[in-house]
């Protein structure tokens, strides 16, 4: 009977240690899960902020403002604009031949 009691006592201590170890691992996993959820929340906040900034940076008014102030660009003026005529009325094969004929050569003189 004495050996049986010692065996049962040893089994009880091992089961208790196993239970403590399992609870410790569960707590560690819970803390890790909590950290991952906090990181996910922060990443979602950053994503929303970046989408808002991208929308604000892409607005045409902001682009026009940067073009005029920082890049010193001006809108196209009708007097300085060259309009090409005749290419839209030609068939597809003829427009390539006409474009090649009207293109300047290496010397800058058209044939």
PDB file of N, CA and C in Angstrom:
ATOM      1  N   UNK A   1       0.808  -1.187   0.000  1.00  0.00           N
ATOM      2  CA  UNK A   1       0.000   0.000   0.000  1.00  0.00           C
ATOM      3  C   UNK A   1       0.857   1.260   0.000  1.00  0.00           C
ATOM      4  N   UNK A   2       2.010   1.191   0.616  1.00  0.00           N
ATOM      5  CA  UNK A   2       2.885   2.346   0.704  1.00  0.00           C
ATOM      6  C   UNK A   2       3.395   2.757  -0.681  1.00  0.00           C
ATOM      7  N   UNK A   3       3.723   1.778  -1.545  1.00  0.00           N
ATOM      8  CA  UNK A   3       4.196   2.086  -2.892  1.00  0.00           C
ATOM      9  C   UNK A   3       3.077   2.718  -3.736  1.00  0.00           C
ATOM     10  N   UNK A   4       1.894   2.242  -3.559  1.00  0.00           N
ATOM     11  CA  UNK A   4       0.761   2.786  -4.302  1.00  0.00           C
ATOM     12  C   UNK A   4       0.525   4.235  -3.911  1.00  0.00           C
ATOM     13  N   UNK A   5       0.633   4.545  -2.635  1.00  0.00           N
ATOM     14  CA  UNK A   5       0.448   5.925  -2.168  1.00  0.00           C
ATOM     15  C   UNK A   5       1.534   6.835  -2.739  1.00  0.00           C
ATOM     16  N   UNK A   6       2.788   6.356  -2.777  1.00  0.00           N
ATOM     17  CA  UNK A   6       3.883   7.160  -3.319  1.00  0.00           C
ATOM     18  C   UNK A   6       3.682   7.386  -4.825  1.00  0.00           C
ATOM     19  N   UNK A   7       3.224   6.356  -5.527  1.00  0.00           N
ATOM     20  CA  UNK A   7       2.977   6.496  -6.957  1.00  0.00           C
ATOM     21  C   UNK A   7       1.856   7.499  -7.220  1.00  0.00           C
ATOM     22  N   UNK A   8       0.783   7.413  -6.435  1.00  0.00           N
ATOM     23  CA  UNK A   8      -0.337   8.346  -6.600  1.00  0.00           C
ATOM     24  C   UNK A   8       0.071   9.765  -6.234  1.00  0.00           C
ATOM     25  N   UNK A   9       0.896   9.922  -5.192  1.00  0.00           N
ATOM     26  CA  UNK A   9       1.375  11.254  -4.795  1.00  0.00           C
ATOM     27  C   UNK A   9       2.251  11.854  -5.901  1.00  0.00           C
ATOM     28  N   UNK A  10       3.116  11.044  -6.474  1.00  0.00           N
ATOM     29  CA  UNK A  10       3.978  11.519  -7.573  1.00  0.00           C
ATOM     30  C   UNK A  10       3.124  11.902  -8.791  1.00  0.00           C
ATOM     31  N   UNK A  11       2.143  11.098  -9.120  1.00  0.00           N
ATOM     32  CA  UNK A  11       1.256  11.396 -10.243  1.00  0.00           C
ATOM     33  C   UNK A  11       0.472  12.675  -9.985  1.00  0.00           C
ATOM     34  N   UNK A  12       0.041  12.889  -8.730  1.00  0.00           N
ATOM     35  CA  UNK A  12      -0.702  14.099  -8.370  1.00  0.00           C
ATOM     36  C   UNK A  12       0.181  15.334  -8.510  1.00  0.00           C
ATOM     37  N   UNK A  13       1.421  15.252  -8.055  1.00  0.00           N
ATOM     38  CA  UNK A  13       2.348  16.396  -8.163  1.00  0.00           C
ATOM     39  C   UNK A  13       2.641  16.699  -9.631  1.00  0.00           C
ATOM     40  N   UNK A  14       2.854  15.674 -10.449  1.00  0.00           N
ATOM     41  CA  UNK A  14       3.110  15.886 -11.870  1.00  0.00           C
ATOM     42  C   UNK A  14       1.898  16.506 -12.571  1.00  0.00           C
ATOM     43  N   UNK A  15       0.714  16.053 -12.214  1.00  0.00           N
ATOM     44  CA  UNK A  15      -0.507  16.642 -12.799  1.00  0.00           C
ATOM     45  C   UNK A  15      -0.659  18.097 -12.384  1.00  0.00           C
ATOM     46  N   UNK A  16      -0.347  18.412 -11.121  1.00  0.00           N
ATOM     47  CA  UNK A  16      -0.448  19.786 -10.629  1.00  0.00           C
ATOM     48  C   UNK A  16       0.557  20.685 -11.359  1.00  0.00           C
ATOM     49  N   UNK A  17       1.791  20.194 -11.541  1.00  0.00           N
ATOM     50  CA  UNK A  17       2.799  20.963 -12.261  1.00  0.00           C
ATOM     51  C   UNK A  17       2.399  21.158 -13.730  1.00  0.00           C
ATOM     52  N   UNK A  18       1.825  20.149 -14.321  1.00  0.00           N
ATOM     53  CA  UNK A  18       1.350  20.252 -15.691  1.00  0.00           C
ATOM     54  C   UNK A  18       0.240  21.286 -15.813  1.00  0.00           C
ATOM     55  N   UNK A  19      -0.662  21.311 -14.832  1.00  0.00           N
ATOM     56  CA  UNK A  19      -1.747  22.292 -14.825  1.00  0.00           C
ATOM     57  C   UNK A  19      -1.197  23.706 -14.694  1.00  0.00           C
ATOM     58  N   UNK A  20      -0.232  23.903 -13.806  1.00  0.00           N
ATOM     59  CA  UNK A  20       0.378  25.229 -13.629  1.00  0.00           C
ATOM     60  C   UNK A  20       1.065  25.668 -14.922  1.00  0.00           C
ATOM     61  N   UNK A  21       1.779  24.751 -15.563  1.00  0.00           N
ATOM     62  CA  UNK A  21       2.454  25.068 -16.819  1.00  0.00           C
ATOM     63  C   UNK A  21       1.439  25.437 -17.909  1.00  0.00           C
ATOM     64  N   UNK A  22       0.348  24.715 -18.005  1.00  0.00           N
ATOM     65  CA  UNK A  22      -0.688  24.990 -19.010  1.00  0.00           C
ATOM     66  C   UNK A  22      -1.328  26.359 -18.774  1.00  0.00           C
ATOM     67  N   UNK A  23      -1.588  26.696 -17.519  1.00  0.00           N
ATOM     68  CA  UNK A  23      -2.168  28.009 -17.210  1.00  0.00           C
ATOM     69  C   UNK A  23      -1.191  29.132 -17.546  1.00  0.00           C
ATOM     70  N   UNK A  24       0.091  28.910 -17.270  1.00  0.00           N
ATOM     71  CA  UNK A  24       1.102  29.920 -17.579  1.00  0.00           C
ATOM     72  C   UNK A  24       1.177  30.148 -19.092  1.00  0.00           C
ATOM     73  N   UNK A  25       1.162  29.081 -19.873  1.00  0.00           N
ATOM     74  CA  UNK A  25       1.189  29.217 -21.324  1.00  0.00           C
ATOM     75  C   UNK A  25      -0.066  29.911 -21.850  1.00  0.00           C
ATOM     76  N   UNK A  26      -1.212  29.603 -21.242  1.00  0.00           N
ATOM     77  CA  UNK A  26      -2.459  30.250 -21.660  1.00  0.00           C
ATOM     78  C   UNK A  26      -2.404  31.750 -21.389  1.00  0.00           C
ATOM     79  N   UNK A  27      -1.848  32.132 -20.249  1.00  0.00           N
ATOM     80  CA  UNK A  27      -1.719  33.567 -19.940  1.00  0.00           C
ATOM     81  C   UNK A  27      -0.758  34.251 -20.908  1.00  0.00           C
ATOM     82  N   UNK A  28       0.345  33.599 -21.243  1.00  0.00           N
ATOM     83  CA  UNK A  28       1.285  34.179 -22.201  1.00  0.00           C
ATOM     84  C   UNK A  28       0.638  34.356 -23.576  1.00  0.00           C
ATOM     85  N   UNK A  29      -0.117  33.367 -24.002  1.00  0.00           N
ATOM     86  CA  UNK A  29      -0.806  33.467 -25.289  1.00  0.00           C
ATOM     87  C   UNK A  29      -1.864  34.568 -25.272  1.00  0.00           C
ATOM     88  N   UNK A  30      -2.541  34.737 -24.142  1.00  0.00           N
ATOM     89  CA  UNK A  30      -3.542  35.792 -24.037  1.00  0.00           C
ATOM     90  C   UNK A  30      -2.885  37.168 -24.125  1.00  0.00           C
ATOM     91  N   UNK A  31      -1.737  37.330 -23.467  1.00  0.00           N
ATOM     92  CA  UNK A  31      -1.014  38.604 -23.531  1.00  0.00           C
ATOM     93  C   UNK A  31      -0.541  38.862 -24.963  1.00  0.00           C
ATOM     94  N   UNK A  32      -0.050  37.842 -25.635  1.00  0.00           N
ATOM     95  CA  UNK A  32       0.389  37.982 -27.020  1.00  0.00           C
ATOM     96  C   UNK A  32      -0.786  38.337 -27.930  1.00  0.00           C
ATOM     97  N   UNK A  33      -1.928  37.721 -27.697  1.00  0.00           N
ATOM     98  CA  UNK A  33      -3.133  38.036 -28.473  1.00  0.00           C
ATOM     99  C   UNK A  33      -3.549  39.492 -28.256  1.00  0.00           C
ATOM    100  N   UNK A  34      -3.495  39.945 -27.031  1.00  0.00           N
ATOM    101  CA  UNK A  34      -3.854  41.321 -26.718  1.00  0.00           C
ATOM    102  C   UNK A  34      -2.921  42.304 -27.420  1.00  0.00           C
ATOM    103  N   UNK A  35      -1.635  42.005 -27.423  1.00  0.00           N
ATOM    104  CA  UNK A  35      -0.665  42.868 -28.122  1.00  0.00           C
ATOM    105  C   UNK A  35      -0.927  42.874 -29.628  1.00  0.00           C
ATOM    106  N   UNK A  36      -1.219  41.726 -30.192  1.00  0.00           N
ATOM    107  CA  UNK A  36      -1.496  41.643 -31.628  1.00  0.00           C
ATOM    108  C   UNK A  36      -2.759  42.432 -31.994  1.00  0.00           C
ATOM    109  N   UNK A  37      -3.771  42.383 -31.132  1.00  0.00           N
ATOM    110  CA  UNK A  37      -4.997  43.141 -31.394  1.00  0.00           C
ATOM    111  C   UNK A  37      -4.743  44.636 -31.292  1.00  0.00           C
ATOM    112  N   UNK A  38      -3.906  45.048 -30.333  1.00  0.00           N
ATOM    113  CA  UNK A  38      -3.561  46.468 -30.217  1.00  0.00           C
ATOM    114  C   UNK A  38      -2.780  46.932 -31.448  1.00  0.00           C
ATOM    115  N   UNK A  39      -1.880  46.088 -31.939  1.00  0.00           N
ATOM    116  CA  UNK A  39      -1.121  46.428 -33.140  1.00  0.00           C
ATOM    117  C   UNK A  39      -2.042  46.507 -34.352  1.00  0.00           C
ATOM    118  N   UNK A  40      -3.003  45.586 -34.451  1.00  0.00           N
ATOM    119  CA  UNK A  40      -3.962  45.619 -35.548  1.00  0.00           C
ATOM    120  C   UNK A  40      -4.770  46.916 -35.524  1.00  0.00           C
ATOM    121  N   UNK A  41      -5.191  47.325 -34.343  1.00  0.00           N
ATOM    122  CA  UNK A  41      -5.964  48.563 -34.209  1.00  0.00           C
ATOM    123  C   UNK A  41      -5.123  49.757 -34.652  1.00  0.00           C
ATOM    124  N   UNK A  42      -3.849  49.803 -34.249  1.00  0.00           N
ATOM    125  CA  UNK A  42      -2.977  50.902 -34.639  1.00  0.00           C
ATOM    126  C   UNK A  42      -2.727  50.903 -36.150  1.00  0.00           C
ATOM    127  N   UNK A  43      -2.555  49.735 -36.725  1.00  0.00           N
ATOM    128  CA  UNK A  43      -2.361  49.655 -38.170  1.00  0.00           C
ATOM    129  C   UNK A  43      -3.606  50.102 -38.935  1.00  0.00           C
ATOM    130  N   UNK A  44      -4.785  49.777 -38.431  1.00  0.00           N
ATOM    131  CA  UNK A  44      -6.026  50.239 -39.064  1.00  0.00           C
ATOM    132  C   UNK A  44      -6.146  51.755 -38.988  1.00  0.00           C
ATOM    133  N   UNK A  45      -5.746  52.335 -37.865  1.00  0.00           N
ATOM    134  CA  UNK A  45      -5.764  53.793 -37.725  1.00  0.00           C
ATOM    135  C   UNK A  45      -4.792  54.422 -38.712  1.00  0.00           C
ATOM    136  N   UNK A  46      -3.589  53.868 -38.811  1.00  0.00           N
ATOM    137  CA  UNK A  46      -2.600  54.386 -39.757  1.00  0.00           C
ATOM    138  C   UNK A  46      -3.088  54.260 -41.196  1.00  0.00           C
ATOM    139  N   UNK A  47      -3.722  53.139 -41.525  1.00  0.00           N
ATOM    140  CA  UNK A  47      -4.247  52.927 -42.873  1.00  0.00           C
ATOM    141  C   UNK A  47      -5.307  53.967 -43.220  1.00  0.00           C
ATOM    142  N   UNK A  48      -6.204  54.236 -42.289  1.00  0.00           N
ATOM    143  CA  UNK A  48      -7.244  55.241 -42.527  1.00  0.00           C
ATOM    144  C   UNK A  48      -6.624  56.626 -42.718  1.00  0.00           C
ATOM    145  N   UNK A  49      -5.620  56.941 -41.905  1.00  0.00           N
ATOM    146  CA  UNK A  49      -4.950  58.240 -42.021  1.00  0.00           C
ATOM    147  C   UNK A  49      -4.246  58.360 -43.373  1.00  0.00           C
ATOM    148  N   UNK A  50      -3.586  57.310 -43.800  1.00  0.00           N
ATOM    149  CA  UNK A  50      -2.894  57.344 -45.088  1.00  0.00           C
ATOM    150  C   UNK A  50      -3.871  57.469 -46.260  1.00  0.00           C
ATOM    151  N   UNK A  51      -5.023  56.809 -46.163  1.00  0.00           N
ATOM    152  CA  UNK A  51      -6.021  56.944 -47.223  1.00  0.00           C
ATOM    153  C   UNK A  51      -6.546  58.379 -47.280  1.00  0.00           C
ATOM    154  N   UNK A  52      -6.759  58.993 -46.119  1.00  0.00           N
ATOM    155  CA  UNK A  52      -7.215  60.384 -46.087  1.00  0.00           C
ATOM    156  C   UNK A  52      -6.161  61.301 -46.687  1.00  0.00           C
ATOM    157  N   UNK A  53      -4.900  61.100 -46.321  1.00  0.00           N
ATOM    158  CA  UNK A  53      -3.821  61.936 -46.854  1.00  0.00           C
ATOM    159  C   UNK A  53      -3.691  61.757 -48.364  1.00  0.00           C
ATOM    160  N   UNK A  54      -3.817  60.535 -48.846  1.00  0.00           N
ATOM    161  CA  UNK A  54      -3.728  60.290 -50.280  1.00  0.00           C
ATOM    162  C   UNK A  54      -4.857  61.006 -51.009  1.00  0.00           C
ATOM    163  N   UNK A  55      -6.046  60.977 -50.447  1.00  0.00           N
ATOM    164  CA  UNK A  55      -7.166  61.686 -51.060  1.00  0.00           C
ATOM    165  C   UNK A  55      -6.944  63.183 -51.072  1.00  0.00           C
ATOM    166  N   UNK A  56      -6.370  63.713 -49.985  1.00  0.00           N
ATOM    167  CA  UNK A  56      -6.125  65.153 -49.914  1.00  0.00           C
ATOM    168  C   UNK A  56      -5.016  65.566 -50.878  1.00  0.00           C
ATOM    169  N   UNK A  57      -3.994  64.733 -51.030  1.00  0.00           N
ATOM    170  CA  UNK A  57      -2.882  65.080 -51.912  1.00  0.00           C
ATOM    171  C   UNK A  57      -3.261  64.983 -53.377  1.00  0.00           C
ATOM    172  N   UNK A  58      -4.271  64.194 -53.696  1.00  0.00           N
ATOM    173  CA  UNK A  58      -4.655  64.003 -55.088  1.00  0.00           C
ATOM    174  C   UNK A  58      -5.700  64.976 -55.597  1.00  0.00           C
ATOM    175  N   UNK A  59      -6.154  65.898 -54.775  1.00  0.00           N
ATOM    176  CA  UNK A  59      -7.181  66.845 -55.216  1.00  0.00           C
ATOM    177  C   UNK A  59      -6.591  67.806 -56.242  1.00  0.00           C
ATOM    178  N   UNK A  60      -7.382  68.118 -57.246  1.00  0.00           N
ATOM    179  CA  UNK A  60      -6.889  68.942 -58.349  1.00  0.00           C
ATOM    180  C   UNK A  60      -6.551  70.360 -57.902  1.00  0.00           C
ATOM    181  N   UNK A  61      -7.250  70.899 -56.916  1.00  0.00           N
ATOM    182  CA  UNK A  61      -6.943  72.243 -56.442  1.00  0.00           C
ATOM    183  C   UNK A  61      -5.553  72.291 -55.813  1.00  0.00           C
ATOM    184  N   UNK A  62      -5.205  71.269 -55.069  1.00  0.00           N
ATOM    185  CA  UNK A  62      -3.884  71.233 -54.441  1.00  0.00           C
ATOM    186  C   UNK A  62      -2.797  71.062 -55.493  1.00  0.00           C
ATOM    187  N   UNK A  63      -3.057  70.242 -56.493  1.00  0.00           N
ATOM    188  CA  UNK A  63      -2.095  70.036 -57.573  1.00  0.00           C
ATOM    189  C   UNK A  63      -1.885  71.334 -58.343  1.00  0.00           C
ATOM    190  N   UNK A  64      -2.963  72.043 -58.641  1.00  0.00           N
ATOM    191  CA  UNK A  64      -2.845  73.317 -59.352  1.00  0.00           C
ATOM    192  C   UNK A  64      -2.096  74.345 -58.514  1.00  0.00           C
ATOM    193  N   UNK A  65      -2.331  74.351 -57.211  1.00  0.00           N
ATOM    194  CA  UNK A  65      -1.641  75.286 -56.325  1.00  0.00           C
ATOM    195  C   UNK A  65      -0.137  75.010 -56.305  1.00  0.00           C
ATOM    196  N   UNK A  66       0.251  73.748 -56.194  1.00  0.00           N
ATOM    197  CA  UNK A  66       1.679  73.400 -56.194  1.00  0.00           C
ATOM    198  C   UNK A  66       2.303  73.712 -57.548  1.00  0.00           C
ATOM    199  N   UNK A  67       1.572  73.440 -58.632  1.00  0.00           N
ATOM    200  CA  UNK A  67       2.103  73.698 -59.975  1.00  0.00           C
ATOM    201  C   UNK A  67       2.357  75.187 -60.173  1.00  0.00           C
ATOM    202  N   UNK A  68       1.473  76.039 -59.707  1.00  0.00           N
ATOM    203  CA  UNK A  68       1.650  77.470 -59.933  1.00  0.00           C
ATOM    204  C   UNK A  68       2.652  78.094 -58.968  1.00  0.00           C
ATOM    205  N   UNK A  69       2.656  77.688 -57.706  1.00  0.00           N
ATOM    206  CA  UNK A  69       3.517  78.336 -56.719  1.00  0.00           C
ATOM    207  C   UNK A  69       4.919  77.739 -56.677  1.00  0.00           C
ATOM    208  N   UNK A  70       5.033  76.444 -56.537  1.00  0.00           N
ATOM    209  CA  UNK A  70       6.339  75.835 -56.346  1.00  0.00           C
ATOM    210  C   UNK A  70       7.052  75.570 -57.667  1.00  0.00           C
ATOM    211  N   UNK A  71       6.308  75.130 -58.685  1.00  0.00           N
ATOM    212  CA  UNK A  71       6.929  74.759 -59.952  1.00  0.00           C
ATOM    213  C   UNK A  71       6.904  75.886 -60.975  1.00  0.00           C
ATOM    214  N   UNK A  72       6.272  77.017 -60.626  1.00  0.00           N
ATOM    215  CA  UNK A  72       6.179  78.188 -61.509  1.00  0.00           C
ATOM    216  C   UNK A  72       5.583  77.832 -62.869  1.00  0.00           C
ATOM    217  N   UNK A  73       4.545  76.999 -62.852  1.00  0.00           N
ATOM    218  CA  UNK A  73       3.877  76.606 -64.089  1.00  0.00           C
ATOM    219  C   UNK A  73       2.662  77.502 -64.308  1.00  0.00           C
ATOM    220  N   UNK A  74       2.298  77.681 -65.568  1.00  0.00           N
ATOM    221  CA  UNK A  74       1.132  78.503 -65.913  1.00  0.00           C
ATOM    222  C   UNK A  74       0.218  77.681 -66.806  1.00  0.00           C
ATOM    223  N   UNK A  75      -1.074  77.986 -66.813  1.00  0.00           N
ATOM    224  CA  UNK A  75      -1.985  77.264 -67.704  1.00  0.00           C
ATOM    225  C   UNK A  75      -1.637  77.521 -69.171  1.00  0.00           C
ATOM    226  N   UNK A  76      -1.982  76.598 -70.031  1.00  0.00           N
ATOM    227  CA  UNK A  76      -1.714  76.752 -71.464  1.00  0.00           C
ATOM    228  C   UNK A  76      -2.540  77.903 -72.013  1.00  0.00           C
ATOM    229  N   UNK A  77      -1.892  78.724 -72.867  1.00  0.00           N
ATOM    230  CA  UNK A  77      -2.584  79.865 -73.472  1.00  0.00           C
ATOM    231  C   UNK A  77      -2.939  79.508 -74.908  1.00  0.00           C
ATOM    232  N   UNK A  78      -4.056  80.007 -75.360  1.00  0.00           N
ATOM    233  CA  UNK A  78      -4.532  79.672 -76.706  1.00  0.00           C
ATOM    234  C   UNK A  78      -3.565  80.156 -77.778  1.00  0.00           C
ATOM    235  N   UNK A  79      -2.892  81.265 -77.565  1.00  0.00           N
ATOM    236  CA  UNK A  79      -1.971  81.806 -78.555  1.00  0.00           C
ATOM    237  C   UNK A  79      -0.706  80.978 -78.701  1.00  0.00           C
ATOM    238  N   UNK A  80      -0.332  80.235 -77.684  1.00  0.00           N
ATOM    239  CA  UNK A  80       0.897  79.450 -77.723  1.00  0.00           C
ATOM    240  C   UNK A  80       0.627  77.968 -78.012  1.00  0.00           C
ATOM    241  N   UNK A  81      -0.619  77.617 -78.256  1.00  0.00           N
ATOM    242  CA  UNK A  81      -0.991  76.232 -78.478  1.00  0.00           C
ATOM    243  C   UNK A  81      -1.001  75.931 -79.970  1.00  0.00           C
ATOM    244  N   UNK A  82      -0.383  74.831 -80.368  1.00  0.00           N
ATOM    245  CA  UNK A  82      -0.376  74.389 -81.761  1.00  0.00           C
ATOM    246  C   UNK A  82      -1.420  73.296 -81.935  1.00  0.00           C
ATOM    247  N   UNK A  83      -2.269  73.449 -82.923  1.00  0.00           N
ATOM    248  CA  UNK A  83      -3.303  72.467 -83.186  1.00  0.00           C
ATOM    249  C   UNK A  83      -2.962  71.733 -84.476  1.00  0.00           C
ATOM    250  N   UNK A  84      -3.006  70.431 -84.475  1.00  0.00           N
ATOM    251  CA  UNK A  84      -2.756  69.621 -85.666  1.00  0.00           C
ATOM    252  C   UNK A  84      -4.088  69.326 -86.334  1.00  0.00           C
ATOM    253  N   UNK A  85      -4.108  69.471 -87.650  1.00  0.00           N
ATOM    254  CA  UNK A  85      -5.340  69.229 -88.375  1.00  0.00           C
ATOM    255  C   UNK A  85      -5.124  68.169 -89.424  1.00  0.00           C
ATOM    256  N   UNK A  86      -6.175  67.462 -89.764  1.00  0.00           N
ATOM    257  CA  UNK A  86      -6.139  66.525 -90.865  1.00  0.00           C
ATOM    258  C   UNK A  86      -5.847  65.093 -90.490  1.00  0.00           C
ATOM    259  N   UNK A  87      -5.295  64.825 -89.357  1.00  0.00           N
ATOM    260  CA  UNK A  87      -4.965  63.457 -88.988  1.00  0.00           C
ATOM    261  C   UNK A  87      -6.193  62.670 -88.556  1.00  0.00           C
ATOM    262  N   UNK A  88      -7.190  63.297 -88.012  1.00  0.00           N
ATOM    263  CA  UNK A  88      -8.368  62.583 -87.543  1.00  0.00           C
ATOM    264  C   UNK A  88      -9.252  62.134 -88.707  1.00  0.00           C
ATOM    265  N   UNK A  89      -9.184  62.811 -89.863  1.00  0.00           N
ATOM    266  CA  UNK A  89     -10.050  62.484 -90.999  1.00  0.00           C
ATOM    267  C   UNK A  89      -9.482  61.377 -91.878  1.00  0.00           C
ATOM    268  N   UNK A  90      -8.213  61.046 -91.721  1.00  0.00           N
ATOM    269  CA  UNK A  90      -7.573  60.048 -92.578  1.00  0.00           C
ATOM    270  C   UNK A  90      -7.802  58.645 -92.037  1.00  0.00           C
ATOM    271  N   UNK A  91      -7.784  57.632 -92.943  1.00  0.00           N
ATOM    272  CA  UNK A  91      -7.857  56.242 -92.481  1.00  0.00           C
ATOM    273  C   UNK A  91      -6.595  55.874 -91.696  1.00  0.00           C
ATOM    274  N   UNK A  92      -6.634  54.744 -91.010  1.00  0.00           N
ATOM    275  CA  UNK A  92      -5.536  54.353 -90.120  1.00  0.00           C
ATOM    276  C   UNK A  92      -4.228  54.195 -90.873  1.00  0.00           C
ATOM    277  N   UNK A  93      -4.205  53.574 -92.031  1.00  0.00           N
ATOM    278  CA  UNK A  93      -2.964  53.375 -92.786  1.00  0.00           C
ATOM    279  C   UNK A  93      -2.436  54.674 -93.357  1.00  0.00           C
ATOM    280  N   UNK A  94      -3.324  55.555 -93.773  1.00  0.00           N
ATOM    281  CA  UNK A  94      -2.908  56.812 -94.392  1.00  0.00           C
ATOM    282  C   UNK A  94      -2.340  57.774 -93.357  1.00  0.00           C
ATOM    283  N   UNK A  95      -2.817  57.713 -92.125  1.00  0.00           N
ATOM    284  CA  UNK A  95      -2.327  58.645 -91.115  1.00  0.00           C
ATOM    285  C   UNK A  95      -0.874  58.365 -90.769  1.00  0.00           C
ATOM    286  N   UNK A  96      -0.463  57.098 -90.782  1.00  0.00           N
ATOM    287  CA  UNK A  96       0.939  56.755 -90.519  1.00  0.00           C
ATOM    288  C   UNK A  96       1.827  57.261 -91.640  1.00  0.00           C
ATOM    289  N   UNK A  97       1.385  57.113 -92.905  1.00  0.00           N
ATOM    290  CA  UNK A  97       2.168  57.583 -94.041  1.00  0.00           C
ATOM    291  C   UNK A  97       2.246  59.106 -94.034  1.00  0.00           C
ATOM    292  N   UNK A  98       1.144  59.772 -93.695  1.00  0.00           N
ATOM    293  CA  UNK A  98       1.125  61.229 -93.666  1.00  0.00           C
ATOM    294  C   UNK A  98       2.002  61.747 -92.526  1.00  0.00           C
ATOM    295  N   UNK A  99       1.989  61.067 -91.413  1.00  0.00           N
ATOM    296  CA  UNK A  99       2.821  61.486 -90.290  1.00  0.00           C
ATOM    297  C   UNK A  99       4.287  61.327 -90.636  1.00  0.00           C
ATOM    298  N   UNK A 100       4.658  60.261 -91.337  1.00  0.00           N
ATOM    299  CA  UNK A 100       6.051  60.045 -91.721  1.00  0.00           C
ATOM    300  C   UNK A 100       6.480  61.083 -92.755  1.00  0.00           C
ATOM    301  N   UNK A 101       5.577  61.457 -93.654  1.00  0.00           N
ATOM    302  CA  UNK A 101       5.921  62.429 -94.684  1.00  0.00           C
ATOM    303  C   UNK A 101       6.076  63.825 -94.105  1.00  0.00           C
ATOM    304  N   UNK A 102       5.314  64.152 -93.066  1.00  0.00           N
ATOM    305  CA  UNK A 102       5.390  65.497 -92.505  1.00  0.00           C
ATOM    306  C   UNK A 102       6.417  65.619 -91.391  1.00  0.00           C
ATOM    307  N   UNK A 103       7.019  64.506 -90.963  1.00  0.00           N
ATOM    308  CA  UNK A 103       8.002  64.552 -89.883  1.00  0.00           C
ATOM    309  C   UNK A 103       9.309  65.103 -90.416  1.00  0.00           C
ATOM    310  N   UNK A 104      10.026  65.931 -89.655  1.00  0.00           N
ATOM    311  CA  UNK A 104      11.298  66.475 -90.116  1.00  0.00           C
ATOM    312  C   UNK A 104      12.363  65.386 -90.201  1.00  0.00           C
ATOM    313  N   UNK A 105      13.285  65.545 -91.123  1.00  0.00           N
ATOM    314  CA  UNK A 105      14.368  64.586 -91.277  1.00  0.00           C
ATOM    315  C   UNK A 105      15.513  64.968 -90.353  1.00  0.00           C
ATOM    316  N   UNK A 106      16.615  64.237 -90.445  1.00  0.00           N
ATOM    317  CA  UNK A 106      17.760  64.484 -89.583  1.00  0.00           C
ATOM    318  C   UNK A 106      18.340  65.874 -89.822  1.00  0.00           C
ATOM    319  N   UNK A 107      18.264  66.393 -91.044  1.00  0.00           N
ATOM    320  CA  UNK A 107      18.823  67.718 -91.329  1.00  0.00           C
ATOM    321  C   UNK A 107      17.857  68.817 -90.948  1.00  0.00           C
ATOM    322  N   UNK A 108      16.616  68.453 -90.578  1.00  0.00           N
ATOM    323  CA  UNK A 108      15.636  69.454 -90.191  1.00  0.00           C
ATOM    324  C   UNK A 108      14.821  69.951 -91.357  1.00  0.00           C
ATOM    325  N   UNK A 109      15.029  69.433 -92.562  1.00  0.00           N
ATOM    326  CA  UNK A 109      14.314  69.869 -93.750  1.00  0.00           C
ATOM    327  C   UNK A 109      13.380  68.736 -94.184  1.00  0.00           C
ATOM    328  N   UNK A 110      12.149  69.068 -94.485  1.00  0.00           N
ATOM    329  CA  UNK A 110      11.188  68.083 -94.952  1.00  0.00           C
ATOM    330  C   UNK A 110      11.425  67.767 -96.413  1.00  0.00           C
ATOM    331  N   UNK A 111      11.221  66.529 -96.824  1.00  0.00           N
ATOM    332  CA  UNK A 111      11.403  66.177 -98.243  1.00  0.00           C
ATOM    333  C   UNK A 111      10.360  66.778 -99.146  1.00  0.00           C
TER     334      UNK A 111
END
